[in-house]
C-alpha atoms as a PDB file:
ATOM      1  CA  TYR A   1     160.613  84.205 132.239  1.00  0.00           C
ATOM      2  CA  SER A   2     160.248  83.698 128.525  1.00  0.00           C
ATOM      3  CA  ALA A   3     158.794  86.359 126.258  1.00  0.00           C
ATOM      4  CA  SER A   4     155.835  84.129 125.393  1.00  0.00           C
ATOM      5  CA  SER A   5     154.923  83.622 129.052  1.00  0.00           C
ATOM      6  CA  VAL A   6     155.079  87.371 129.750  1.00  0.00           C
ATOM      7  CA  TRP A   7     153.299  88.584 126.611  1.00  0.00           C
ATOM      8  CA  GLY A   8     151.103  85.562 125.931  1.00  0.00           C
ATOM      9  CA  ASN A   9     150.703  84.008 122.537  1.00  0.00           C
ATOM     10  CA  GLN A  10     150.281  87.155 120.424  1.00  0.00           C
ATOM     11  CA  HIS A  11     150.172  85.226 117.141  1.00  0.00           C
ATOM     12  CA  SER A  12     147.187  83.209 118.343  1.00  0.00           C
ATOM     13  CA  ASP A  13     145.476  86.312 119.770  1.00  0.00           C
ATOM     14  CA  THR A  14     145.972  88.198 116.489  1.00  0.00           C
ATOM     15  CA  SER A  15     144.658  85.269 114.476  1.00  0.00           C
ATOM     16  CA  ILE A  16     141.501  85.054 116.610  1.00  0.00           C
ATOM     17  CA  TYR A  17     141.019  88.839 116.342  1.00  0.00           C
ATOM     18  CA  LEU A  18     141.344  88.764 112.534  1.00  0.00           C
ATOM     19  CA  ASP A  19     138.967  85.798 112.312  1.00  0.00           C
ATOM     20  CA  ASN A  20     136.377  87.764 114.310  1.00  0.00           C
ATOM     21  CA  ILE A  21     136.726  90.804 112.049  1.00  0.00           C
ATOM     22  CA  THR A  22     136.381  88.620 108.966  1.00  0.00           C
ATOM     23  CA  ARG A  23     133.229  86.991 110.335  1.00  0.00           C
ATOM     24  CA  ILE A  24     131.678  90.375 111.194  1.00  0.00           C
ATOM     25  CA  LEU A  25     132.402  91.820 107.732  1.00  0.00           C
ATOM     26  CA  ASP A  26     131.088  88.684 106.020  1.00  0.00           C
ATOM     27  CA  ARG A  27     127.800  89.007 107.937  1.00  0.00           C
ATOM     28  CA  LEU A  28     127.486  92.720 107.133  1.00  0.00           C
ATOM     29  CA  LEU A  29     128.022  92.107 103.423  1.00  0.00           C
ATOM     30  CA  ASP A  30     125.886  88.965 103.174  1.00  0.00           C
ATOM     31  CA  GLY A  31     123.550  89.405 100.201  1.00  0.00           C
ATOM     32  CA  TYR A  32     125.290  92.593  99.053  1.00  0.00           C
ATOM     33  CA  ASP A  33     125.594  92.924  95.267  1.00  0.00           C
ATOM     34  CA  ASN A  34     128.457  95.296  94.494  1.00  0.00           C
ATOM     35  CA  ARG A  35     127.205  95.692  90.911  1.00  0.00           C
ATOM     36  CA  LEU A  36     124.274  97.797  92.144  1.00  0.00           C
ATOM     37  CA  ARG A  37     124.469 101.161  93.820  1.00  0.00           C
ATOM     38  CA  PRO A  38     123.210 101.477  97.394  1.00  0.00           C
ATOM     39  CA  GLY A  39     119.473 102.118  97.513  1.00  0.00           C
ATOM     40  CA  PHE A  40     118.922 100.878  93.941  1.00  0.00           C
ATOM     41  CA  GLY A  41     115.347 101.577  92.889  1.00  0.00           C
ATOM     42  CA  GLY A  42     115.047 104.489  95.294  1.00  0.00           C
ATOM     43  CA  PRO A  43     116.206 108.077  95.095  1.00  0.00           C
ATOM     44  CA  VAL A  44     119.735 108.854  93.924  1.00  0.00           C
ATOM     45  CA  THR A  45     122.355 109.058  96.652  1.00  0.00           C
ATOM     46  CA  GLU A  46     124.101 112.409  96.407  1.00  0.00           C
ATOM     47  CA  VAL A  47     127.725 112.440  97.509  1.00  0.00           C
ATOM     48  CA  LYS A  48     129.618 115.686  98.042  1.00  0.00           C
ATOM     49  CA  THR A  49     133.325 116.003  98.699  1.00  0.00           C
ATOM     50  CA  ASP A  50     136.001 118.652  99.058  1.00  0.00           C
ATOM     51  CA  ILE A  51     139.473 118.301  97.604  1.00  0.00           C
ATOM     52  CA  PHE A  52     142.420 120.161  99.061  1.00  0.00           C
ATOM     53  CA  VAL A  53     145.430 120.469  96.723  1.00  0.00           C
ATOM     54  CA  THR A  54     148.689 120.594  98.649  1.00  0.00           C
ATOM     55  CA  SER A  55     150.970 120.921  95.629  1.00  0.00           C
ATOM     56  CA  PHE A  56     150.739 121.547  91.928  1.00  0.00           C
ATOM     57  CA  GLY A  57     153.248 120.457  89.316  1.00  0.00           C
ATOM     58  CA  PRO A  58     154.871 122.784  86.772  1.00  0.00           C
ATOM     59  CA  VAL A  59     152.606 124.505  84.258  1.00  0.00           C
ATOM     60  CA  SER A  60     153.851 125.312  80.773  1.00  0.00           C
ATOM     61  CA  ASP A  61     151.831 127.762  78.670  1.00  0.00           C
ATOM     62  CA  VAL A  62     153.677 126.439  75.586  1.00  0.00           C
ATOM     63  CA  GLU A  63     152.316 122.917  76.053  1.00  0.00           C
ATOM     64  CA  MET A  64     148.736 124.029  76.789  1.00  0.00           C
ATOM     65  CA  VAL A  65     146.528 123.417  73.795  1.00  0.00           C
END
């Protein structure tokens, strides 16, 4: 048995999969203007986030102005 007969044509399968994803995203974004915020003309969209700091570089009180 050859690898291609056992596993199929993965390159072709991947290409078809990526084409499908591209088509779906193109349809979702059809008519979308990225220069405008979502909901333009309506109420402001409030976004909240948390930031977790895992490390902090050296702090020098001499260089703080």
